[in-house]
Amino acid sequence: MEVSSGAKKRKKLEFPRPFAVMMILVLIFAVLSYIIPSSAYDTTSVTYTMPDGTEKTRSVVAPDTWHVLEEQKHISFLQYITSFIRGMEAVPDIIFTIFICVGAFYIVGETGAITSGVGRLIMKMGKRKFLVIPILATLFAIMASTVGTYEEMLCFIPILAPIMIGAGYDSLIVIGIVMCGGAAGFAGATTNTFTLGVAQGIAGLPIFSGMTFHIITLAVFIVTLDLILIFYARRLEKDQSRSLMYEMDKVYLENNHVDFSSLPEFTAKRKIILGVVVAAFAVVIWGILKKGWYFEELSGVFMLMGFIAALIYGEGLNWFCDKLVEGMKSIVVGAMMVGFARAILVVLNDAQILHTILHGAASLVSKLPRFMAVVGQYIFQCLMNYIIPSGSGQATATMPIMAPLAEMTGLTRQVAVQCEVIGDGLSNPFTPTSGNIHAGLAMAGIPYVTWVKFWWKFLCIEYGVGLIVVIVANVIQLGPF
């Protein structure tokens, strides 16, 4: 029978939207609760002293206490549909920090300070404008390595995207600058209390010990990322249409156009506003390292920064509040994604299968030949970040097991920490279980599948570099122990 011309065309299969990805992943782990046995480690408390003198206490697993539970925990339909709400309830500090920080930097963006400053820098560089990209990526990496900023960096994506696209690049390189820059900083953590500090404290090491090696590691990851971004930028300069986002970026620019022929004037007010931004980051670094500040204090400092920027720009309280709300509206989807991503851990804990996965993986590592132990630890930590996309969460779950396991297999505890920090950091801008990368991609208008097609080969390079770093750490027996 002849098909009529008005017959509906078969719909093309599309990659699920970020929220759909999370719902599918949570459902998969819910189904696994009927297959993987429930188990648990007993827990104990670990107290360690930070460089500022404050004591941190964390509940961690006791490595030799793993046992299968008599009662298998299955995820009910009610537990599944409520896991997303409970995921958001588990990370309110992160969600609200994202709202406040993005809102504050939206205000800075509305003053034109960043657009006029970065835009003029690109114009002055001329044929060497591509050097702006590694400069910015290096700055983001240093902030992540020292302060531990990552979620807070999301606010720079909508500011930099129109500038970079208008300069002849694309939105993909913006994610590379901001989120991959942050990932390089996390992998090369120097004074990042959220990852390196927690991991070393749990492992019983002096906090921030091995600093020389950590600084060298940071430099290695910065250089690696910068070379990747320069290579890609130079390719786009020859033919911007080679970008996977070429058509979508053109649509993006229709509503977010930056005209380099008529950039906002880089006035004294705008220079002072950029100075306020730098000062805010300096205060945050001081607060984290000297006072043990956390998300609440970071949010307060950045909100004050936004208010001061509004005053300098010549606006009042009403304008500040209006723009703060506008900025928050722009990140609603991204902030909610963080809670949806945490639903995976909620389900794993409800089913009590996280410790089963952890014990099974650690058992495999323990059976490796001695010369392969460091490779096994590194691969284990890289993979664990796809299940626990939280640096401090991953350290809390894995270091009580992997630190003593390192000693049993001839590694130092510092090497085990290095494996955890690098494995966590490099995966951050790629893992589908992380709400941060989905939030960043949403702000730049990039589908996740497009990002995967673009970044996977570069991620393999970074993983290879990371493996070399941990092997070197093992060869020199990085200590103190």
Protein backbone atom coordinates (compact mmCIF):
# COMPACT_ATOMS: atom_id res chain seq x y z
CA MET A 1 0.00 0.00 0.00
CA GLU A 2 1.33 3.44 -0.92
CA VAL A 3 2.19 5.68 1.99
CA SER A 4 0.45 9.06 1.84
CA SER A 5 2.59 12.18 1.54
CA GLY A 6 1.08 13.45 4.79
CA ALA A 7 2.31 10.47 6.77
CA LYS A 8 4.40 11.40 9.76
CA LYS A 9 8.11 10.93 9.42
CA ARG A 10 9.78 8.57 11.79
CA LYS A 11 11.32 10.48 14.65
CA LYS A 12 15.09 10.48 14.84
CA LEU A 13 16.49 9.01 18.03
CA GLU A 14 17.88 11.71 20.30
CA PHE A 15 20.32 11.46 23.19
CA PRO A 16 18.40 11.92 26.45
CA ARG A 17 18.38 15.36 28.07
CA PRO A 18 20.52 15.79 31.24
CA PHE A 19 17.60 15.23 33.63
CA ALA A 20 16.60 12.14 31.65
CA VAL A 21 20.20 10.84 31.85
CA MET A 22 20.08 11.13 35.63
CA MET A 23 16.69 9.44 35.89
CA ILE A 24 17.93 6.55 33.73
CA LEU A 25 21.16 6.15 35.71
CA VAL A 26 19.33 6.18 39.03
CA LEU A 27 16.90 3.60 37.65
CA ILE A 28 19.81 1.37 36.58
CA PHE A 29 21.29 1.44 40.08
CA ALA A 30 17.84 0.81 41.55
CA VAL A 31 17.56 -2.34 39.40
CA LEU A 32 21.08 -3.38 40.47
CA SER A 33 19.82 -3.46 44.06
CA TYR A 34 18.05 -6.70 43.08
CA ILE A 35 21.30 -8.20 41.75
CA ILE A 36 24.22 -6.89 43.84
CA PRO A 37 24.22 -8.13 47.45
CA SER A 38 23.84 -5.54 50.20
CA SER A 39 26.86 -5.17 52.43
CA ALA A 40 28.51 -2.71 54.77
CA TYR A 41 31.72 -1.69 56.44
CA ASP A 42 31.55 -0.62 60.06
CA THR A 43 32.45 3.02 60.52
CA THR A 44 34.82 4.87 62.78
CA SER A 45 35.75 8.52 63.29
CA VAL A 46 38.97 10.10 62.07
CA THR A 47 40.12 13.46 63.46
CA TYR A 48 42.88 15.46 61.80
CA THR A 49 44.25 18.97 62.15
CA MET A 50 44.20 21.44 59.27
CA PRO A 51 47.03 23.96 58.71
CA ASP A 52 44.87 26.71 60.25
CA GLY A 53 44.73 24.72 63.50
CA THR A 54 41.08 23.67 63.22
CA GLU A 55 40.22 20.02 63.76
CA LYS A 56 38.13 18.08 61.27
CA THR A 57 36.28 14.91 62.19
CA ARG A 58 34.90 12.55 59.57
CA SER A 59 33.08 9.25 59.76
CA VAL A 60 34.98 6.73 57.61
CA VAL A 61 34.85 3.00 56.97
CA ALA A 62 36.91 0.58 59.04
CA PRO A 63 38.77 -1.44 56.36
CA ASP A 64 38.65 -4.93 57.93
CA THR A 65 34.96 -4.92 58.86
CA TRP A 66 33.24 -5.62 55.53
CA HIS A 67 30.30 -8.01 55.80
CA VAL A 68 27.29 -9.04 53.74
CA LEU A 69 23.99 -8.05 55.31
CA GLU A 70 21.49 -10.73 56.21
CA GLU A 71 18.66 -8.72 54.67
CA GLN A 72 18.95 -7.73 51.03
CA LYS A 73 17.97 -4.08 50.53
CA HIS A 74 15.87 -3.52 47.42
CA ILE A 75 14.94 -0.11 46.04
CA SER A 76 11.19 0.33 45.99
CA PHE A 77 9.37 2.48 43.44
CA LEU A 78 8.70 5.04 46.18
CA GLN A 79 12.39 5.19 47.08
CA TYR A 80 13.23 5.70 43.41
CA ILE A 81 10.85 8.60 42.80
CA THR A 82 11.81 10.31 46.08
CA SER A 83 15.55 9.85 45.56
CA PHE A 84 15.76 13.04 43.48
CA ILE A 85 14.21 15.13 46.24
CA ARG A 86 16.48 13.51 48.80
CA GLY A 87 19.45 14.11 46.50
CA MET A 88 18.73 17.83 46.56
CA GLU A 89 18.23 17.73 50.33
CA ALA A 90 21.70 16.16 50.64
CA VAL A 91 23.54 19.03 48.94
CA PRO A 92 21.75 22.28 49.80
CA ASP A 93 25.06 24.03 50.52
CA ILE A 94 26.34 23.31 47.01
CA ILE A 95 23.05 24.19 45.30
CA PHE A 96 22.65 27.53 47.08
CA THR A 97 26.33 28.36 46.62
CA ILE A 98 25.84 27.91 42.88
CA PHE A 99 22.80 30.21 42.96
CA ILE A 100 24.58 32.96 44.90
CA CYS A 101 27.91 32.79 43.05
CA VAL A 102 26.36 32.69 39.59
CA GLY A 103 24.04 35.55 40.55
CA ALA A 104 26.96 37.61 41.88
CA PHE A 105 29.10 37.10 38.78
CA TYR A 106 26.09 37.77 36.57
CA ILE A 107 26.09 41.24 38.13
CA VAL A 108 29.79 41.63 37.31
CA GLY A 109 29.01 40.50 33.76
CA GLU A 110 26.23 43.07 33.46
CA THR A 111 28.68 45.86 34.26
CA GLY A 112 30.63 44.95 31.10
CA ALA A 113 33.90 44.73 33.05
CA ILE A 114 34.83 41.21 31.94
CA THR A 115 33.60 41.64 28.36
CA SER A 116 35.49 44.89 27.85
CA GLY A 117 38.64 43.62 29.61
CA VAL A 118 38.92 40.20 27.96
CA GLY A 119 37.63 41.51 24.62
CA ARG A 120 40.29 44.21 24.44
CA LEU A 121 42.99 41.76 25.50
CA ILE A 122 41.99 39.50 22.60
CA MET A 123 42.10 42.44 20.17
CA LYS A 124 45.52 43.59 21.41
CA MET A 125 46.95 40.08 21.01
CA GLY A 126 46.11 40.15 17.29
CA LYS A 127 47.35 36.98 15.59
CA ARG A 128 48.40 35.66 18.97
CA LYS A 129 44.90 35.97 20.42
CA PHE A 130 44.85 32.21 21.02
CA LEU A 131 47.24 32.82 23.96
CA VAL A 132 44.33 34.32 25.90
CA ILE A 133 42.88 30.80 26.12
CA PRO A 134 45.78 29.15 28.04
CA ILE A 135 46.11 32.27 30.21
CA LEU A 136 42.47 31.98 31.33
CA ALA A 137 42.65 28.17 31.69
CA THR A 138 45.76 28.51 33.86
CA LEU A 139 44.01 31.04 36.13
CA PHE A 140 41.04 28.69 36.61
CA ALA A 141 43.39 25.78 37.30
CA ILE A 142 45.30 27.73 39.95
CA MET A 143 42.04 28.79 41.66
CA ALA A 144 40.85 25.16 41.75
CA SER A 145 44.20 23.87 42.96
CA THR A 146 44.45 26.34 45.82
CA VAL A 147 40.93 27.34 46.83
CA GLY A 148 39.03 24.31 45.52
CA THR A 149 36.60 26.36 43.41
CA TYR A 150 34.67 24.35 40.83
CA GLU A 151 30.92 24.87 41.11
CA GLU A 152 31.61 28.58 41.55
CA MET A 153 33.33 28.66 38.13
CA LEU A 154 30.08 27.96 36.31
CA CYS A 155 29.26 31.66 36.39
CA PHE A 156 32.07 32.44 33.93
CA ILE A 157 30.66 30.23 31.17
CA PRO A 158 27.84 32.53 29.94
CA ILE A 159 30.21 35.50 30.21
CA LEU A 160 33.06 33.96 28.20
CA ALA A 161 30.97 32.02 25.66
CA PRO A 162 29.89 34.97 23.46
CA ILE A 163 33.39 36.47 23.67
CA MET A 164 35.14 33.29 22.54
CA ILE A 165 32.62 32.44 19.84
CA GLY A 166 32.77 36.01 18.54
CA ALA A 167 36.57 35.80 18.51
CA GLY A 168 36.44 32.87 16.10
CA TYR A 169 36.41 29.93 18.50
CA ASP A 170 33.46 27.97 19.93
CA SER A 171 31.51 27.10 23.06
CA LEU A 172 33.41 23.82 23.50
CA ILE A 173 36.64 25.70 24.13
CA VAL A 174 34.85 27.71 26.85
CA ILE A 175 34.07 24.50 28.75
CA GLY A 176 37.69 23.52 28.17
CA ILE A 177 38.90 26.79 29.69
CA VAL A 178 36.56 26.86 32.68
CA MET A 179 35.64 23.31 33.67
CA CYS A 180 38.65 21.44 32.28
CA GLY A 181 40.85 24.19 33.73
CA GLY A 182 39.21 23.54 37.09
CA ALA A 183 39.67 19.79 36.63
CA ALA A 184 43.40 20.25 35.94
CA GLY A 185 43.61 22.26 39.16
CA PHE A 186 41.83 19.57 41.15
CA ALA A 187 44.11 16.89 39.69
CA GLY A 188 47.10 19.03 40.65
CA ALA A 189 45.72 20.05 44.04
CA THR A 190 48.17 22.00 46.21
CA THR A 191 46.12 23.54 49.04
CA ASN A 192 42.67 22.26 48.07
CA THR A 193 41.15 21.30 51.42
CA PHE A 194 38.12 19.61 49.79
CA THR A 195 40.17 16.88 48.10
CA LEU A 196 43.86 16.82 49.02
CA GLY A 197 43.29 17.99 52.60
CA VAL A 198 40.53 15.45 53.26
CA ALA A 199 42.40 12.57 51.58
CA GLN A 200 45.66 13.23 53.45
CA GLY A 201 43.84 13.69 56.75
CA ILE A 202 42.05 10.36 56.42
CA ALA A 203 45.26 8.63 55.30
CA GLY A 204 47.01 9.92 58.41
CA LEU A 205 49.45 12.11 56.47
CA PRO A 206 50.47 15.67 57.42
CA ILE A 207 48.03 18.00 55.64
CA PHE A 208 49.47 19.42 52.40
CA SER A 209 52.66 17.36 52.75
CA GLY A 210 54.57 16.57 49.56
CA MET A 211 53.99 20.14 48.38
CA THR A 212 56.90 20.28 45.92
CA PHE A 213 55.58 17.25 44.06
CA HIS A 214 52.03 18.64 44.10
CA ILE A 215 53.21 21.92 42.56
CA ILE A 216 55.10 20.05 39.84
CA THR A 217 52.00 17.92 39.20
CA LEU A 218 49.87 21.05 38.87
CA ALA A 219 52.33 22.49 36.35
CA VAL A 220 52.26 19.25 34.34
CA PHE A 221 48.46 19.21 34.11
CA ILE A 222 48.27 22.93 33.28
CA VAL A 223 50.80 22.53 30.46
CA THR A 224 48.97 19.44 29.15
CA LEU A 225 45.60 21.22 29.10
CA ASP A 226 47.04 24.42 27.64
CA LEU A 227 48.65 22.52 24.76
CA ILE A 228 45.37 20.70 24.06
CA LEU A 229 43.41 23.96 24.00
CA ILE A 230 46.01 25.76 21.88
CA PHE A 231 45.98 22.91 19.36
CA TYR A 232 42.21 23.06 19.10
CA ALA A 233 42.10 26.87 19.00
CA ARG A 234 44.59 27.03 16.14
CA ARG A 235 42.53 24.49 14.21
CA LEU A 236 39.41 26.63 14.63
CA GLU A 237 41.28 29.71 13.47
CA LYS A 238 41.86 27.97 10.15
CA ASP A 239 38.24 26.83 9.80
CA GLN A 240 35.65 27.61 12.49
CA SER A 241 33.11 25.40 10.70
CA ARG A 242 35.08 22.33 11.85
CA SER A 243 33.58 22.80 15.30
CA LEU A 244 30.95 20.28 16.37
CA MET A 245 29.00 23.27 17.71
CA TYR A 246 29.31 25.48 14.62
CA GLU A 247 25.61 25.67 13.71
CA MET A 248 24.36 25.81 17.30
CA ASP A 249 26.90 28.50 18.20
CA LYS A 250 25.61 30.69 15.37
CA VAL A 251 22.13 30.46 16.89
CA TYR A 252 23.60 31.17 20.34
CA LEU A 253 25.26 34.35 19.06
CA GLU A 254 21.98 35.72 17.75
CA ASN A 255 20.92 36.40 21.35
CA ASN A 256 24.37 36.79 22.92
CA HIS A 257 26.38 38.76 20.39
CA VAL A 258 29.65 40.49 21.27
CA ASP A 259 30.70 43.09 18.69
CA PHE A 260 34.50 43.43 18.80
CA SER A 261 34.29 46.61 16.73
CA SER A 262 32.31 48.35 19.46
CA LEU A 263 33.27 46.80 22.78
CA PRO A 264 32.18 48.55 25.97
CA GLU A 265 34.80 51.12 26.96
CA PHE A 266 37.27 49.78 29.51
CA THR A 267 36.61 52.64 31.93
CA ALA A 268 38.16 53.27 35.32
CA LYS A 269 34.96 51.96 36.93
CA ARG A 270 35.23 48.66 35.06
CA LYS A 271 38.91 48.34 35.95
CA ILE A 272 38.06 48.87 39.63
CA ILE A 273 35.29 46.24 39.39
CA LEU A 274 37.79 43.69 38.04
CA GLY A 275 40.04 44.68 40.94
CA VAL A 276 37.18 43.92 43.33
CA VAL A 277 36.78 40.48 41.73
CA VAL A 278 40.49 39.75 42.22
CA ALA A 279 40.28 40.99 45.81
CA ALA A 280 37.27 38.72 46.46
CA PHE A 281 39.22 35.67 45.35
CA ALA A 282 42.18 36.74 47.49
CA VAL A 283 39.89 37.00 50.53
CA VAL A 284 38.39 33.58 49.76
CA ILE A 285 41.86 31.99 49.50
CA TRP A 286 42.84 33.56 52.82
CA GLY A 287 39.60 32.45 54.46
CA ILE A 288 39.87 28.85 53.33
CA LEU A 289 43.53 28.45 54.24
CA LYS A 290 43.57 30.47 57.47
CA LYS A 291 40.03 30.32 58.81
CA GLY A 292 38.68 27.04 57.45
CA TRP A 293 35.89 28.73 55.49
CA TYR A 294 33.40 26.61 53.58
CA PHE A 295 30.49 27.16 51.18
CA GLU A 296 28.59 29.60 53.40
CA GLU A 297 31.49 32.01 53.74
CA LEU A 298 32.40 31.71 50.04
CA SER A 299 28.85 32.58 49.06
CA GLY A 300 28.80 35.57 51.41
CA VAL A 301 32.07 36.98 50.06
CA PHE A 302 30.96 36.66 46.42
CA MET A 303 27.55 38.19 47.13
CA LEU A 304 29.29 41.15 48.79
CA MET A 305 31.54 41.37 45.73
CA GLY A 306 28.47 41.63 43.49
CA PHE A 307 26.97 44.36 45.65
CA ILE A 308 30.19 46.41 45.66
CA ALA A 309 30.43 46.00 41.87
CA ALA A 310 26.87 47.33 41.53
CA LEU A 311 27.69 50.37 43.67
CA ILE A 312 30.86 51.13 41.72
CA TYR A 313 28.91 50.80 38.48
CA GLY A 314 26.55 53.46 39.80
CA GLU A 315 23.52 51.32 40.55
CA GLY A 316 21.58 50.83 43.76
CA LEU A 317 20.13 48.05 45.86
CA ASN A 318 17.11 47.45 43.61
CA TRP A 319 19.29 46.97 40.51
CA PHE A 320 21.59 44.66 42.48
CA CYS A 321 18.65 42.49 43.62
CA ASP A 322 17.06 42.42 40.16
CA LYS A 323 20.29 41.28 38.51
CA LEU A 324 21.02 38.79 41.28
CA VAL A 325 17.64 37.15 40.63
CA GLU A 326 18.23 37.19 36.85
CA GLY A 327 21.55 35.44 37.38
CA MET A 328 19.95 32.85 39.62
CA LYS A 329 17.26 32.18 37.01
CA SER A 330 19.95 31.42 34.44
CA ILE A 331 21.36 28.57 36.54
CA VAL A 332 18.16 26.96 37.87
CA VAL A 333 18.56 23.90 35.63
CA GLY A 334 22.24 23.53 36.44
CA ALA A 335 21.76 23.84 40.19
CA MET A 336 18.93 21.31 40.15
CA MET A 337 21.14 18.92 38.19
CA VAL A 338 23.54 18.74 41.13
CA GLY A 339 20.73 17.41 43.32
CA PHE A 340 19.54 14.98 40.65
CA ALA A 341 23.09 13.64 40.28
CA ARG A 342 23.34 13.10 44.04
CA ALA A 343 20.25 10.85 43.79
CA ILE A 344 22.59 8.14 42.51
CA LEU A 345 24.44 8.07 45.83
CA VAL A 346 21.11 8.18 47.67
CA VAL A 347 19.99 5.01 45.90
CA LEU A 348 23.37 3.30 46.40
CA ASN A 349 23.18 4.02 50.11
CA ASP A 350 19.51 2.97 50.37
CA ALA A 351 20.35 -0.36 48.72
CA GLN A 352 23.64 -0.57 50.65
CA ILE A 353 25.50 -1.74 47.55
CA LEU A 354 28.12 1.04 47.44
CA HIS A 355 30.34 -0.82 49.89
CA THR A 356 29.88 -4.01 47.85
CA ILE A 357 31.19 -2.25 44.76
CA LEU A 358 34.00 -0.65 46.77
CA HIS A 359 35.03 -3.96 48.39
CA GLY A 360 34.97 -5.85 45.09
CA ALA A 361 37.12 -3.27 43.32
CA ALA A 362 39.59 -3.04 46.21
CA SER A 363 39.87 -6.84 46.30
CA LEU A 364 40.82 -6.88 42.62
CA VAL A 365 43.50 -4.25 43.21
CA SER A 366 44.93 -6.21 46.16
CA LYS A 367 45.47 -9.27 43.91
CA LEU A 368 47.53 -7.41 41.33
CA PRO A 369 51.28 -8.08 41.05
CA ARG A 370 53.35 -5.64 43.10
CA PHE A 371 54.66 -3.72 40.08
CA MET A 372 51.07 -3.21 38.89
CA ALA A 373 49.69 -2.05 42.26
CA VAL A 374 50.02 1.67 41.49
CA VAL A 375 48.34 1.20 38.12
CA GLY A 376 45.51 -0.69 39.80
CA GLN A 377 45.01 2.01 42.43
CA TYR A 378 45.00 4.71 39.77
CA ILE A 379 42.46 2.94 37.55
CA PHE A 380 40.31 2.16 40.62
CA GLN A 381 40.16 5.83 41.65
CA CYS A 382 39.48 7.01 38.09
CA LEU A 383 36.52 4.64 37.81
CA MET A 384 35.20 5.36 41.31
CA ASN A 385 34.68 9.00 40.40
CA TYR A 386 32.01 7.90 37.91
CA ILE A 387 30.09 6.44 40.86
CA ILE A 388 31.01 9.00 43.53
CA PRO A 389 31.46 12.33 41.69
CA SER A 390 32.57 14.18 44.81
CA GLY A 391 36.21 14.67 45.74
CA SER A 392 35.67 14.68 49.50
CA GLY A 393 33.04 11.93 49.23
CA GLN A 394 35.36 9.73 47.21
CA ALA A 395 38.21 10.32 49.65
CA THR A 396 35.98 9.49 52.62
CA ALA A 397 34.79 6.27 51.01
CA THR A 398 38.03 4.98 49.50
CA MET A 399 41.04 6.26 51.45
CA PRO A 400 40.40 4.24 54.65
CA ILE A 401 40.68 1.13 52.46
CA MET A 402 43.21 2.18 49.83
CA ALA A 403 45.75 3.80 52.19
CA PRO A 404 46.49 0.62 54.19
CA LEU A 405 46.17 -1.43 50.99
CA ALA A 406 48.92 0.74 49.49
CA GLU A 407 51.30 -0.21 52.29
CA MET A 408 50.46 -3.91 51.83
CA THR A 409 51.37 -3.71 48.14
CA GLY A 410 54.59 -1.71 48.56
CA LEU A 411 53.21 1.78 47.87
CA THR A 412 53.35 4.79 50.16
CA ARG A 413 50.17 6.36 51.50
CA GLN A 414 51.09 9.57 49.72
CA VAL A 415 51.02 7.70 46.40
CA ALA A 416 47.57 6.36 47.25
CA VAL A 417 46.42 9.94 47.92
CA GLN A 418 47.93 11.07 44.63
CA CYS A 419 45.94 8.38 42.78
CA GLU A 420 42.73 9.54 44.47
CA VAL A 421 43.26 13.23 43.81
CA ILE A 422 44.19 12.79 40.13
CA GLY A 423 41.49 10.17 39.50
CA ASP A 424 38.86 12.48 40.95
CA GLY A 425 40.05 15.65 39.25
CA LEU A 426 40.43 14.53 35.64
CA SER A 427 37.01 12.86 35.50
CA ASN A 428 35.07 15.90 36.76
CA PRO A 429 34.29 17.52 33.38
CA PHE A 430 33.27 14.23 31.79
CA THR A 431 31.43 11.90 34.16
CA PRO A 432 27.69 11.66 33.37
CA THR A 433 26.89 11.26 37.07
CA SER A 434 28.15 14.77 37.89
CA GLY A 435 25.64 17.58 37.98
CA ASN A 436 28.39 20.17 37.50
CA ILE A 437 29.32 19.23 33.94
CA HIS A 438 25.66 19.01 32.92
CA ALA A 439 25.10 22.45 34.45
CA GLY A 440 28.06 23.94 32.61
CA LEU A 441 27.07 22.39 29.30
CA ALA A 442 23.50 23.64 29.70
CA MET A 443 24.76 27.19 30.25
CA ALA A 444 26.79 26.99 27.03
CA GLY A 445 24.01 25.25 25.08
CA ILE A 446 26.10 22.12 24.44
CA PRO A 447 24.45 18.65 24.32
CA TYR A 448 26.27 16.16 26.53
CA VAL A 449 26.78 13.68 23.68
CA THR A 450 28.49 16.43 21.63
CA TRP A 451 30.82 17.15 24.52
CA VAL A 452 31.68 13.45 24.85
CA LYS A 453 32.50 13.25 21.13
CA PHE A 454 34.78 16.25 21.51
CA TRP A 455 36.56 15.61 24.81
CA TRP A 456 37.02 11.82 25.10
CA LYS A 457 40.28 11.70 23.12
CA PHE A 458 41.75 14.63 25.04
CA LEU A 459 40.66 13.02 28.31
CA CYS A 460 42.59 9.87 27.30
CA ILE A 461 45.71 12.03 26.92
CA GLU A 462 45.17 13.50 30.40
CA TYR A 463 44.60 10.05 31.90
CA GLY A 464 47.87 8.92 30.30
CA VAL A 465 49.73 11.88 31.77
CA GLY A 466 48.15 11.18 35.16
CA LEU A 467 49.33 7.57 35.00
CA ILE A 468 52.89 8.71 34.33
CA VAL A 469 52.67 11.09 37.32
CA VAL A 470 51.59 8.36 39.78
CA ILE A 471 54.20 5.93 38.42
CA VAL A 472 56.90 8.56 39.00
CA ALA A 473 55.49 9.18 42.49
CA ASN A 474 55.79 5.47 43.19
CA VAL A 475 59.33 5.19 41.76
CA ILE A 476 60.57 7.99 44.03
CA GLN A 477 58.50 6.59 46.93
CA LEU A 478 56.72 9.90 47.50
CA GLY A 479 56.32 10.40 51.22
CA PRO A 480 56.72 11.13 54.05
CA PHE A 481 55.24 7.62 54.19
